[in-house]
Amino acid sequence: MKLIASVIVLLTVAAFTGCRSHMLNIRLANTSTTPISTIIVDYPTATFGKDKLAPGETFSSPVKITDQGPLKVQFTDATGKSHNYTGPVLKPNAEGTMEIKLDQNSATITPDPRDR
């Protein structure tokens, strides 16, 4: 009986070790000397945001890309001016890391997503 229970447990563990979710880590970085606020990152089928990033501060969010579409970034600079940028087209199951460097005038998106 112990042998059967051990085999069942081993098979269950083996089945779950091969399963993993494809995730894309999106990292925001404020490269300017003043705060940036109301940061919105829009990607296919979802959105995340950050209220404020202090100078030199970073923030990361893992996301699951389930549909194809462009990455869009919106933020407000220290003077209250809103900025909008469109980045690369993301594909389902993209994974890796994407960095979005923000300053008071622009967003630089460095893609590294790999789709499987």
PDB file of N, CA and C in Angstrom:
ATOM      1  N   MET A   1       0.822  -1.199   0.000  1.00  0.00           N
ATOM      2  CA  MET A   1       0.000   0.000   0.000  1.00  0.00           C
ATOM      3  C   MET A   1       0.867   1.266   0.000  1.00  0.00           C
ATOM      4  N   LYS A   2       1.960   1.213   0.801  1.00  0.00           N
ATOM      5  CA  LYS A   2       2.861   2.372   0.851  1.00  0.00           C
ATOM      6  C   LYS A   2       3.510   2.610  -0.508  1.00  0.00           C
ATOM      7  N   LEU A   3       3.801   1.542  -1.223  1.00  0.00           N
ATOM      8  CA  LEU A   3       4.422   1.665  -2.535  1.00  0.00           C
ATOM      9  C   LEU A   3       3.485   2.374  -3.512  1.00  0.00           C
ATOM     10  N   ILE A   4       2.216   2.023  -3.490  1.00  0.00           N
ATOM     11  CA  ILE A   4       1.239   2.653  -4.381  1.00  0.00           C
ATOM     12  C   ILE A   4       1.089   4.132  -4.038  1.00  0.00           C
ATOM     13  N   ALA A   5       1.008   4.453  -2.754  1.00  0.00           N
ATOM     14  CA  ALA A   5       0.883   5.855  -2.322  1.00  0.00           C
ATOM     15  C   ALA A   5       2.121   6.645  -2.733  1.00  0.00           C
ATOM     16  N   SER A   6       3.288   6.052  -2.586  1.00  0.00           N
ATOM     17  CA  SER A   6       4.532   6.729  -2.970  1.00  0.00           C
ATOM     18  C   SER A   6       4.579   6.992  -4.468  1.00  0.00           C
ATOM     19  N   VAL A   7       4.146   6.034  -5.267  1.00  0.00           N
ATOM     20  CA  VAL A   7       4.138   6.191  -6.718  1.00  0.00           C
ATOM     21  C   VAL A   7       3.163   7.297  -7.117  1.00  0.00           C
ATOM     22  N   ILE A   8       1.996   7.334  -6.492  1.00  0.00           N
ATOM     23  CA  ILE A   8       1.007   8.380  -6.800  1.00  0.00           C
ATOM     24  C   ILE A   8       1.564   9.754  -6.462  1.00  0.00           C
ATOM     25  N   VAL A   9       2.191   9.893  -5.306  1.00  0.00           N
ATOM     26  CA  VAL A   9       2.777  11.178  -4.905  1.00  0.00           C
ATOM     27  C   VAL A   9       3.884  11.573  -5.880  1.00  0.00           C
ATOM     28  N   LEU A  10       4.734  10.647  -6.243  1.00  0.00           N
ATOM     29  CA  LEU A  10       5.819  10.928  -7.185  1.00  0.00           C
ATOM     30  C   LEU A  10       5.288  11.363  -8.547  1.00  0.00           C
ATOM     31  N   LEU A  11       4.273  10.690  -9.046  1.00  0.00           N
ATOM     32  CA  LEU A  11       3.685  11.064 -10.339  1.00  0.00           C
ATOM     33  C   LEU A  11       3.028  12.441 -10.274  1.00  0.00           C
ATOM     34  N   THR A  12       2.377  12.746  -9.172  1.00  0.00           N
ATOM     35  CA  THR A  12       1.749  14.061  -9.006  1.00  0.00           C
ATOM     36  C   THR A  12       2.798  15.158  -8.991  1.00  0.00           C
ATOM     37  N   VAL A  13       3.865  14.960  -8.247  1.00  0.00           N
ATOM     38  CA  VAL A  13       4.944  15.955  -8.185  1.00  0.00           C
ATOM     39  C   VAL A  13       5.580  16.117  -9.561  1.00  0.00           C
ATOM     40  N   ALA A  14       5.825  15.026 -10.256  1.00  0.00           N
ATOM     41  CA  ALA A  14       6.431  15.093 -11.589  1.00  0.00           C
ATOM     42  C   ALA A  14       5.536  15.839 -12.576  1.00  0.00           C
ATOM     43  N   ALA A  15       4.237  15.650 -12.463  1.00  0.00           N
ATOM     44  CA  ALA A  15       3.307  16.333 -13.366  1.00  0.00           C
ATOM     45  C   ALA A  15       3.326  17.836 -13.155  1.00  0.00           C
ATOM     46  N   PHE A  16       3.439  18.269 -11.917  1.00  0.00           N
ATOM     47  CA  PHE A  16       3.404  19.706 -11.637  1.00  0.00           C
ATOM     48  C   PHE A  16       4.735  20.410 -11.843  1.00  0.00           C
ATOM     49  N   THR A  17       5.838  19.698 -11.804  1.00  0.00           N
ATOM     50  CA  THR A  17       7.128  20.363 -11.984  1.00  0.00           C
ATOM     51  C   THR A  17       7.336  20.829 -13.418  1.00  0.00           C
ATOM     52  N   GLY A  18       6.690  20.207 -14.382  1.00  0.00           N
ATOM     53  CA  GLY A  18       6.811  20.617 -15.772  1.00  0.00           C
ATOM     54  C   GLY A  18       5.908  21.778 -16.135  1.00  0.00           C
ATOM     55  N   CYS A  19       4.979  22.123 -15.294  1.00  0.00           N
ATOM     56  CA  CYS A  19       4.026  23.188 -15.577  1.00  0.00           C
ATOM     57  C   CYS A  19       4.543  24.518 -15.038  1.00  0.00           C
ATOM     58  N   ARG A  20       4.532  25.519 -15.878  1.00  0.00           N
ATOM     59  CA  ARG A  20       4.880  26.858 -15.411  1.00  0.00           C
ATOM     60  C   ARG A  20       4.175  27.869 -16.294  1.00  0.00           C
ATOM     61  N   SER A  21       3.943  29.014 -15.719  1.00  0.00           N
ATOM     62  CA  SER A  21       3.255  30.066 -16.445  1.00  0.00           C
ATOM     63  C   SER A  21       4.278  30.984 -17.096  1.00  0.00           C
ATOM     64  N   HIS A  22       4.046  31.339 -18.344  1.00  0.00           N
ATOM     65  CA  HIS A  22       4.924  32.275 -19.048  1.00  0.00           C
ATOM     66  C   HIS A  22       4.626  33.680 -18.527  1.00  0.00           C
ATOM     67  N   MET A  23       5.624  34.328 -17.960  1.00  0.00           N
ATOM     68  CA  MET A  23       5.451  35.660 -17.386  1.00  0.00           C
ATOM     69  C   MET A  23       6.462  36.618 -17.991  1.00  0.00           C
ATOM     70  N   LEU A  24       6.015  37.851 -18.151  1.00  0.00           N
ATOM     71  CA  LEU A  24       6.876  38.939 -18.602  1.00  0.00           C
ATOM     72  C   LEU A  24       7.034  39.890 -17.425  1.00  0.00           C
ATOM     73  N   ASN A  25       8.253  40.165 -17.023  1.00  0.00           N
ATOM     74  CA  ASN A  25       8.501  41.092 -15.929  1.00  0.00           C
ATOM     75  C   ASN A  25       8.700  42.496 -16.522  1.00  0.00           C
ATOM     76  N   ILE A  26       7.804  43.418 -16.163  1.00  0.00           N
ATOM     77  CA  ILE A  26       7.921  44.795 -16.648  1.00  0.00           C
ATOM     78  C   ILE A  26       8.477  45.641 -15.513  1.00  0.00           C
ATOM     79  N   ARG A  27       9.610  46.275 -15.777  1.00  0.00           N
ATOM     80  CA  ARG A  27      10.309  47.070 -14.764  1.00  0.00           C
ATOM     81  C   ARG A  27      10.245  48.537 -15.159  1.00  0.00           C
ATOM     82  N   LEU A  28       9.730  49.370 -14.248  1.00  0.00           N
ATOM     83  CA  LEU A  28       9.690  50.823 -14.439  1.00  0.00           C
ATOM     84  C   LEU A  28      10.869  51.433 -13.691  1.00  0.00           C
ATOM     85  N   ALA A  29      11.535  52.410 -14.293  1.00  0.00           N
ATOM     86  CA  ALA A  29      12.660  53.090 -13.643  1.00  0.00           C
ATOM     87  C   ALA A  29      12.573  54.584 -13.924  1.00  0.00           C
ATOM     88  N   ASN A  30      12.600  55.385 -12.866  1.00  0.00           N
ATOM     89  CA  ASN A  30      12.630  56.840 -13.021  1.00  0.00           C
ATOM     90  C   ASN A  30      14.088  57.262 -13.103  1.00  0.00           C
ATOM     91  N   THR A  31      14.520  57.669 -14.288  1.00  0.00           N
ATOM     92  CA  THR A  31      15.918  58.064 -14.490  1.00  0.00           C
ATOM     93  C   THR A  31      16.116  59.574 -14.355  1.00  0.00           C
ATOM     94  N   SER A  32      15.059  60.302 -13.993  1.00  0.00           N
ATOM     95  CA  SER A  32      15.166  61.755 -13.881  1.00  0.00           C
ATOM     96  C   SER A  32      15.486  62.167 -12.444  1.00  0.00           C
ATOM     97  N   THR A  33      15.649  63.468 -12.240  1.00  0.00           N
ATOM     98  CA  THR A  33      15.992  63.994 -10.910  1.00  0.00           C
ATOM     99  C   THR A  33      14.774  64.502 -10.145  1.00  0.00           C
ATOM    100  N   THR A  34      13.586  64.343 -10.732  1.00  0.00           N
ATOM    101  CA  THR A  34      12.343  64.747 -10.069  1.00  0.00           C
ATOM    102  C   THR A  34      11.321  63.613 -10.174  1.00  0.00           C
ATOM    103  N   PRO A  35      10.308  63.618  -9.314  1.00  0.00           N
ATOM    104  CA  PRO A  35       9.328  62.525  -9.326  1.00  0.00           C
ATOM    105  C   PRO A  35       8.501  62.481 -10.607  1.00  0.00           C
ATOM    106  N   ILE A  36       8.026  61.289 -10.912  1.00  0.00           N
ATOM    107  CA  ILE A  36       7.099  61.044 -12.004  1.00  0.00           C
ATOM    108  C   ILE A  36       5.871  60.408 -11.365  1.00  0.00           C
ATOM    109  N   SER A  37       4.677  60.807 -11.826  1.00  0.00           N
ATOM    110  CA  SER A  37       3.468  60.300 -11.187  1.00  0.00           C
ATOM    111  C   SER A  37       2.469  59.736 -12.191  1.00  0.00           C
ATOM    112  N   THR A  38       1.430  59.143 -11.655  1.00  0.00           N
ATOM    113  CA  THR A  38       0.318  58.582 -12.416  1.00  0.00           C
ATOM    114  C   THR A  38       0.817  57.763 -13.616  1.00  0.00           C
ATOM    115  N   ILE A  39       1.582  56.747 -13.317  1.00  0.00           N
ATOM    116  CA  ILE A  39       2.164  55.898 -14.356  1.00  0.00           C
ATOM    117  C   ILE A  39       1.185  54.764 -14.654  1.00  0.00           C
ATOM    118  N   ILE A  40       0.812  54.637 -15.918  1.00  0.00           N
ATOM    119  CA  ILE A  40      -0.107  53.584 -16.347  1.00  0.00           C
ATOM    120  C   ILE A  40       0.557  52.790 -17.462  1.00  0.00           C
ATOM    121  N   VAL A  41       0.625  51.475 -17.279  1.00  0.00           N
ATOM    122  CA  VAL A  41       1.183  50.584 -18.292  1.00  0.00           C
ATOM    123  C   VAL A  41       0.030  49.714 -18.785  1.00  0.00           C
ATOM    124  N   ASP A  42      -0.271  49.867 -20.053  1.00  0.00           N
ATOM    125  CA  ASP A  42      -1.373  49.135 -20.667  1.00  0.00           C
ATOM    126  C   ASP A  42      -0.782  48.095 -21.607  1.00  0.00           C
ATOM    127  N   TYR A  43      -1.155  46.843 -21.404  1.00  0.00           N
ATOM    128  CA  TYR A  43      -0.699  45.766 -22.269  1.00  0.00           C
ATOM    129  C   TYR A  43      -1.928  44.947 -22.659  1.00  0.00           C
ATOM    130  N   PRO A  44      -1.825  44.064 -23.658  1.00  0.00           N
ATOM    131  CA  PRO A  44      -3.015  43.359 -24.139  1.00  0.00           C
ATOM    132  C   PRO A  44      -3.815  42.701 -23.018  1.00  0.00           C
ATOM    133  N   THR A  45      -5.063  43.075 -22.897  1.00  0.00           N
ATOM    134  CA  THR A  45      -6.087  42.564 -21.974  1.00  0.00           C
ATOM    135  C   THR A  45      -5.933  43.000 -20.518  1.00  0.00           C
ATOM    136  N   ALA A  46      -4.968  43.844 -20.174  1.00  0.00           N
ATOM    137  CA  ALA A  46      -4.844  44.270 -18.777  1.00  0.00           C
ATOM    138  C   ALA A  46      -4.033  45.559 -18.654  1.00  0.00           C
ATOM    139  N   THR A  47      -4.003  46.090 -17.433  1.00  0.00           N
ATOM    140  CA  THR A  47      -3.293  47.338 -17.127  1.00  0.00           C
ATOM    141  C   THR A  47      -2.772  47.253 -15.703  1.00  0.00           C
ATOM    142  N   PHE A  48      -1.625  47.892 -15.451  1.00  0.00           N
ATOM    143  CA  PHE A  48      -1.194  48.111 -14.069  1.00  0.00           C
ATOM    144  C   PHE A  48      -0.646  49.523 -13.978  1.00  0.00           C
ATOM    145  N   GLY A  49      -0.516  50.020 -12.757  1.00  0.00           N
ATOM    146  CA  GLY A  49      -0.029  51.379 -12.590  1.00  0.00           C
ATOM    147  C   GLY A  49       0.737  51.571 -11.309  1.00  0.00           C
ATOM    148  N   LYS A  50       1.318  52.740 -11.195  1.00  0.00           N
ATOM    149  CA  LYS A  50       2.074  53.141 -10.019  1.00  0.00           C
ATOM    150  C   LYS A  50       1.782  54.616  -9.801  1.00  0.00           C
ATOM    151  N   ASP A  51       1.410  54.994  -8.571  1.00  0.00           N
ATOM    152  CA  ASP A  51       1.067  56.384  -8.274  1.00  0.00           C
ATOM    153  C   ASP A  51       2.236  57.333  -8.482  1.00  0.00           C
ATOM    154  N   LYS A  52       3.408  56.944  -7.992  1.00  0.00           N
ATOM    155  CA  LYS A  52       4.560  57.841  -8.075  1.00  0.00           C
ATOM    156  C   LYS A  52       5.850  57.035  -8.046  1.00  0.00           C
ATOM    157  N   LEU A  53       6.838  57.524  -8.786  1.00  0.00           N
ATOM    158  CA  LEU A  53       8.199  56.993  -8.719  1.00  0.00           C
ATOM    159  C   LEU A  53       9.122  58.150  -8.384  1.00  0.00           C
ATOM    160  N   ALA A  54       9.823  58.030  -7.280  1.00  0.00           N
ATOM    161  CA  ALA A  54      10.803  59.042  -6.882  1.00  0.00           C
ATOM    162  C   ALA A  54      12.020  58.956  -7.809  1.00  0.00           C
ATOM    163  N   PRO A  55      12.853  59.986  -7.842  1.00  0.00           N
ATOM    164  CA  PRO A  55      14.066  59.935  -8.663  1.00  0.00           C
ATOM    165  C   PRO A  55      14.910  58.704  -8.326  1.00  0.00           C
ATOM    166  N   GLY A  56      15.283  57.948  -9.343  1.00  0.00           N
ATOM    167  CA  GLY A  56      16.097  56.758  -9.146  1.00  0.00           C
ATOM    168  C   GLY A  56      15.332  55.525  -8.687  1.00  0.00           C
ATOM    169  N   GLU A  57      14.058  55.658  -8.385  1.00  0.00           N
ATOM    170  CA  GLU A  57      13.263  54.529  -7.896  1.00  0.00           C
ATOM    171  C   GLU A  57      12.860  53.607  -9.041  1.00  0.00           C
ATOM    172  N   THR A  58      12.720  52.312  -8.730  1.00  0.00           N
ATOM    173  CA  THR A  58      12.246  51.331  -9.699  1.00  0.00           C
ATOM    174  C   THR A  58      11.045  50.589  -9.126  1.00  0.00           C
ATOM    175  N   PHE A  59      10.273  49.995 -10.003  1.00  0.00           N
ATOM    176  CA  PHE A  59       9.113  49.196  -9.624  1.00  0.00           C
ATOM    177  C   PHE A  59       8.947  48.108 -10.672  1.00  0.00           C
ATOM    178  N   SER A  60       8.741  46.871 -10.241  1.00  0.00           N
ATOM    179  CA  SER A  60       8.568  45.759 -11.176  1.00  0.00           C
ATOM    180  C   SER A  60       7.226  45.086 -10.972  1.00  0.00           C
ATOM    181  N   SER A  61       6.678  44.598 -12.075  1.00  0.00           N
ATOM    182  CA  SER A  61       5.419  43.864 -12.021  1.00  0.00           C
ATOM    183  C   SER A  61       5.473  42.704 -13.011  1.00  0.00           C
ATOM    184  N   PRO A  62       5.276  41.472 -12.526  1.00  0.00           N
ATOM    185  CA  PRO A  62       5.188  40.360 -13.455  1.00  0.00           C
ATOM    186  C   PRO A  62       3.786  40.318 -14.062  1.00  0.00           C
ATOM    187  N   VAL A  63       3.689  40.141 -15.370  1.00  0.00           N
ATOM    188  CA  VAL A  63       2.396  40.106 -16.055  1.00  0.00           C
ATOM    189  C   VAL A  63       2.346  38.903 -16.985  1.00  0.00           C
ATOM    190  N   LYS A  64       1.148  38.438 -17.247  1.00  0.00           N
ATOM    191  CA  LYS A  64       0.935  37.339 -18.190  1.00  0.00           C
ATOM    192  C   LYS A  64       0.296  37.921 -19.438  1.00  0.00           C
ATOM    193  N   ILE A  65       0.947  37.750 -20.569  1.00  0.00           N
ATOM    194  CA  ILE A  65       0.432  38.253 -21.843  1.00  0.00           C
ATOM    195  C   ILE A  65      -0.415  37.136 -22.467  1.00  0.00           C
ATOM    196  N   THR A  66      -1.717  37.409 -22.618  1.00  0.00           N
ATOM    197  CA  THR A  66      -2.632  36.389 -23.126  1.00  0.00           C
ATOM    198  C   THR A  66      -3.179  36.719 -24.514  1.00  0.00           C
ATOM    199  N   ASP A  67      -2.862  37.892 -25.018  1.00  0.00           N
ATOM    200  CA  ASP A  67      -3.353  38.307 -26.332  1.00  0.00           C
ATOM    201  C   ASP A  67      -2.271  39.159 -26.998  1.00  0.00           C
ATOM    202  N   GLN A  68      -2.378  39.379 -28.279  1.00  0.00           N
ATOM    203  CA  GLN A  68      -1.391  40.188 -29.004  1.00  0.00           C
ATOM    204  C   GLN A  68      -1.824  41.646 -29.031  1.00  0.00           C
ATOM    205  N   GLY A  69      -0.866  42.544 -28.826  1.00  0.00           N
ATOM    206  CA  GLY A  69      -1.148  43.960 -28.905  1.00  0.00           C
ATOM    207  C   GLY A  69       0.021  44.788 -28.422  1.00  0.00           C
ATOM    208  N   PRO A  70      -0.042  46.108 -28.623  1.00  0.00           N
ATOM    209  CA  PRO A  70       1.076  46.981 -28.245  1.00  0.00           C
ATOM    210  C   PRO A  70       1.111  47.270 -26.748  1.00  0.00           C
ATOM    211  N   LEU A  71       2.306  47.513 -26.263  1.00  0.00           N
ATOM    212  CA  LEU A  71       2.509  48.005 -24.905  1.00  0.00           C
ATOM    213  C   LEU A  71       2.365  49.526 -24.963  1.00  0.00           C
ATOM    214  N   LYS A  72       1.584  50.090 -24.048  1.00  0.00           N
ATOM    215  CA  LYS A  72       1.406  51.542 -24.010  1.00  0.00           C
ATOM    216  C   LYS A  72       1.741  52.048 -22.618  1.00  0.00           C
ATOM    217  N   VAL A  73       2.388  53.214 -22.575  1.00  0.00           N
ATOM    218  CA  VAL A  73       2.797  53.815 -21.308  1.00  0.00           C
ATOM    219  C   VAL A  73       2.297  55.250 -21.257  1.00  0.00           C
ATOM    220  N   GLN A  74       1.756  55.614 -20.121  1.00  0.00           N
ATOM    221  CA  GLN A  74       1.305  56.990 -19.889  1.00  0.00           C
ATOM    222  C   GLN A  74       1.834  57.420 -18.519  1.00  0.00           C
ATOM    223  N   PHE A  75       2.320  58.662 -18.411  1.00  0.00           N
ATOM    224  CA  PHE A  75       2.768  59.173 -17.117  1.00  0.00           C
ATOM    225  C   PHE A  75       2.669  60.686 -17.095  1.00  0.00           C
ATOM    226  N   THR A  76       2.767  61.233 -15.895  1.00  0.00           N
ATOM    227  CA  THR A  76       2.717  62.679 -15.707  1.00  0.00           C
ATOM    228  C   THR A  76       4.062  63.143 -15.162  1.00  0.00           C
ATOM    229  N   ASP A  77       4.634  64.182 -15.795  1.00  0.00           N
ATOM    230  CA  ASP A  77       5.929  64.698 -15.341  1.00  0.00           C
ATOM    231  C   ASP A  77       5.745  65.624 -14.138  1.00  0.00           C
ATOM    232  N   ALA A  78       6.832  66.182 -13.634  1.00  0.00           N
ATOM    233  CA  ALA A  78       6.802  67.025 -12.433  1.00  0.00           C
ATOM    234  C   ALA A  78       6.028  68.327 -12.638  1.00  0.00           C
ATOM    235  N   THR A  79       5.854  68.764 -13.890  1.00  0.00           N
ATOM    236  CA  THR A  79       5.115  70.004 -14.153  1.00  0.00           C
ATOM    237  C   THR A  79       3.620  69.748 -14.375  1.00  0.00           C
ATOM    238  N   GLY A  80       3.218  68.460 -14.366  1.00  0.00           N
ATOM    239  CA  GLY A  80       1.819  68.119 -14.567  1.00  0.00           C
ATOM    240  C   GLY A  80       1.453  67.776 -15.996  1.00  0.00           C
ATOM    241  N   LYS A  81       2.434  67.768 -16.879  1.00  0.00           N
ATOM    242  CA  LYS A  81       2.176  67.443 -18.289  1.00  0.00           C
ATOM    243  C   LYS A  81       2.099  65.929 -18.467  1.00  0.00           C
ATOM    244  N   SER A  82       1.096  65.481 -19.230  1.00  0.00           N
ATOM    245  CA  SER A  82       0.906  64.066 -19.495  1.00  0.00           C
ATOM    246  C   SER A  82       1.676  63.643 -20.742  1.00  0.00           C
ATOM    247  N   HIS A  83       2.275  62.460 -20.682  1.00  0.00           N
ATOM    248  CA  HIS A  83       3.038  61.903 -21.804  1.00  0.00           C
ATOM    249  C   HIS A  83       2.496  60.516 -22.136  1.00  0.00           C
ATOM    250  N   ASN A  84       2.418  60.181 -23.425  1.00  0.00           N
ATOM    251  CA  ASN A  84       1.948  58.875 -23.889  1.00  0.00           C
ATOM    252  C   ASN A  84       2.953  58.287 -24.872  1.00  0.00           C
ATOM    253  N   TYR A  85       3.248  57.004 -24.715  1.00  0.00           N
ATOM    254  CA  TYR A  85       4.173  56.310 -25.606  1.00  0.00           C
ATOM    255  C   TYR A  85       3.630  54.941 -25.943  1.00  0.00           C
ATOM    256  N   THR A  86       3.876  54.510 -27.167  1.00  0.00           N
ATOM    257  CA  THR A  86       3.505  53.166 -27.592  1.00  0.00           C
ATOM    258  C   THR A  86       4.786  52.393 -27.853  1.00  0.00           C
ATOM    259  N   GLY A  87       4.858  51.211 -27.271  1.00  0.00           N
ATOM    260  CA  GLY A  87       6.048  50.382 -27.403  1.00  0.00           C
ATOM    261  C   GLY A  87       5.834  49.232 -28.364  1.00  0.00           C
ATOM    262  N   PRO A  88       6.589  48.173 -28.180  1.00  0.00           N
ATOM    263  CA  PRO A  88       6.529  47.039 -29.099  1.00  0.00           C
ATOM    264  C   PRO A  88       5.220  46.261 -28.961  1.00  0.00           C
ATOM    265  N   VAL A  89       4.908  45.509 -29.992  1.00  0.00           N
ATOM    266  CA  VAL A  89       3.744  44.618 -29.950  1.00  0.00           C
ATOM    267  C   VAL A  89       4.147  43.375 -29.162  1.00  0.00           C
ATOM    268  N   LEU A  90       3.345  43.048 -28.167  1.00  0.00           N
ATOM    269  CA  LEU A  90       3.582  41.858 -27.358  1.00  0.00           C
ATOM    270  C   LEU A  90       2.713  40.722 -27.869  1.00  0.00           C
ATOM    271  N   LYS A  91       3.234  39.505 -27.763  1.00  0.00           N
ATOM    272  CA  LYS A  91       2.514  38.322 -28.226  1.00  0.00           C
ATOM    273  C   LYS A  91       2.185  37.429 -27.034  1.00  0.00           C
ATOM    274  N   PRO A  92       1.152  36.599 -27.165  1.00  0.00           N
ATOM    275  CA  PRO A  92       0.794  35.694 -26.070  1.00  0.00           C
ATOM    276  C   PRO A  92       1.987  34.858 -25.619  1.00  0.00           C
ATOM    277  N   ASN A  93       2.050  34.638 -24.319  1.00  0.00           N
ATOM    278  CA  ASN A  93       3.096  33.841 -23.670  1.00  0.00           C
ATOM    279  C   ASN A  93       4.478  34.478 -23.740  1.00  0.00           C
ATOM    280  N   ALA A  94       4.552  35.794 -23.993  1.00  0.00           N
ATOM    281  CA  ALA A  94       5.852  36.480 -23.968  1.00  0.00           C
ATOM    282  C   ALA A  94       6.446  36.323 -22.584  1.00  0.00           C
ATOM    283  N   GLU A  95       7.745  36.185 -22.539  1.00  0.00           N
ATOM    284  CA  GLU A  95       8.424  36.088 -21.253  1.00  0.00           C
ATOM    285  C   GLU A  95       9.770  36.775 -21.341  1.00  0.00           C
ATOM    286  N   GLY A  96      10.354  37.002 -20.187  1.00  0.00           N
ATOM    287  CA  GLY A  96      11.616  37.720 -20.112  1.00  0.00           C
ATOM    288  C   GLY A  96      11.429  38.980 -19.296  1.00  0.00           C
ATOM    289  N   THR A  97      12.211  39.994 -19.592  1.00  0.00           N
ATOM    290  CA  THR A  97      12.150  41.265 -18.873  1.00  0.00           C
ATOM    291  C   THR A  97      12.066  42.410 -19.865  1.00  0.00           C
ATOM    292  N   MET A  98      11.236  43.375 -19.548  1.00  0.00           N
ATOM    293  CA  MET A  98      11.118  44.582 -20.347  1.00  0.00           C
ATOM    294  C   MET A  98      11.302  45.759 -19.395  1.00  0.00           C
ATOM    295  N   GLU A  99      12.231  46.642 -19.722  1.00  0.00           N
ATOM    296  CA  GLU A  99      12.482  47.802 -18.868  1.00  0.00           C
ATOM    297  C   GLU A  99      11.947  49.059 -19.532  1.00  0.00           C
ATOM    298  N   ILE A 100      11.247  49.861 -18.741  1.00  0.00           N
ATOM    299  CA  ILE A 100      10.731  51.138 -19.211  1.00  0.00           C
ATOM    300  C   ILE A 100      11.411  52.227 -18.395  1.00  0.00           C
ATOM    301  N   LYS A 101      12.332  52.952 -19.028  1.00  0.00           N
ATOM    302  CA  LYS A 101      13.040  54.038 -18.358  1.00  0.00           C
ATOM    303  C   LYS A 101      12.288  55.333 -18.634  1.00  0.00           C
ATOM    304  N   LEU A 102      11.882  55.984 -17.562  1.00  0.00           N
ATOM    305  CA  LEU A 102      11.117  57.225 -17.664  1.00  0.00           C
ATOM    306  C   LEU A 102      11.956  58.404 -17.218  1.00  0.00           C
ATOM    307  N   ASP A 103      11.887  59.500 -17.971  1.00  0.00           N
ATOM    308  CA  ASP A 103      12.434  60.768 -17.502  1.00  0.00           C
ATOM    309  C   ASP A 103      11.326  61.799 -17.651  1.00  0.00           C
ATOM    310  N   GLN A 104      11.603  63.046 -17.480  1.00  0.00           N
ATOM    311  CA  GLN A 104      10.551  64.052 -17.505  1.00  0.00           C
ATOM    312  C   GLN A 104       9.956  64.295 -18.891  1.00  0.00           C
ATOM    313  N   ASN A 105      10.616  63.815 -19.935  1.00  0.00           N
ATOM    314  CA  ASN A 105      10.143  64.073 -21.294  1.00  0.00           C
ATOM    315  C   ASN A 105       9.823  62.834 -22.109  1.00  0.00           C
ATOM    316  N   SER A 106      10.297  61.668 -21.696  1.00  0.00           N
ATOM    317  CA  SER A 106      10.159  60.506 -22.569  1.00  0.00           C
ATOM    318  C   SER A 106      10.151  59.193 -21.797  1.00  0.00           C
ATOM    319  N   ALA A 107       9.835  58.157 -22.547  1.00  0.00           N
ATOM    320  CA  ALA A 107       9.916  56.781 -22.050  1.00  0.00           C
ATOM    321  C   ALA A 107      10.747  55.996 -23.053  1.00  0.00           C
ATOM    322  N   THR A 108      11.728  55.276 -22.549  1.00  0.00           N
ATOM    323  CA  THR A 108      12.549  54.409 -23.390  1.00  0.00           C
ATOM    324  C   THR A 108      12.228  52.982 -23.004  1.00  0.00           C
ATOM    325  N   ILE A 109      11.723  52.224 -23.956  1.00  0.00           N
ATOM    326  CA  ILE A 109      11.313  50.849 -23.674  1.00  0.00           C
ATOM    327  C   ILE A 109      12.332  49.914 -24.297  1.00  0.00           C
ATOM    328  N   THR A 110      12.942  49.101 -23.461  1.00  0.00           N
ATOM    329  CA  THR A 110      13.938  48.139 -23.914  1.00  0.00           C
ATOM    330  C   THR A 110      13.293  46.763 -23.869  1.00  0.00           C
ATOM    331  N   PRO A 111      12.880  46.243 -25.006  1.00  0.00           N
ATOM    332  CA  PRO A 111      12.215  44.934 -24.990  1.00  0.00           C
ATOM    333  C   PRO A 111      13.202  43.789 -24.917  1.00  0.00           C
ATOM    334  N   ASP A 112      12.784  42.751 -24.267  1.00  0.00           N
ATOM    335  CA  ASP A 112      13.517  41.503 -24.239  1.00  0.00           C
ATOM    336  C   ASP A 112      12.520  40.354 -24.090  1.00  0.00           C
ATOM    337  N   PRO A 113      11.282  40.539 -24.525  1.00  0.00           N
ATOM    338  CA  PRO A 113      10.336  39.430 -24.361  1.00  0.00           C
ATOM    339  C   PRO A 113      10.577  38.346 -25.396  1.00  0.00           C
ATOM    340  N   ARG A 114      10.528  37.129 -24.945  1.00  0.00           N
ATOM    341  CA  ARG A 114      10.631  35.988 -25.842  1.00  0.00           C
ATOM    342  C   ARG A 114       9.275  35.293 -25.832  1.00  0.00           C
ATOM    343  N   ASP A 115       8.715  35.062 -27.003  1.00  0.00           N
ATOM    344  CA  ASP A 115       7.442  34.355 -27.038  1.00  0.00           C
ATOM    345  C   ASP A 115       7.703  32.899 -27.384  1.00  0.00           C
ATOM    346  N   ARG A 116       6.949  32.067 -26.769  1.00  0.00           N
ATOM    347  CA  ARG A 116       7.088  30.613 -26.965  1.00  0.00           C
ATOM    348  C   ARG A 116       5.853  30.034 -27.564  1.00  0.00           C
TER     349      ARG A 116
END
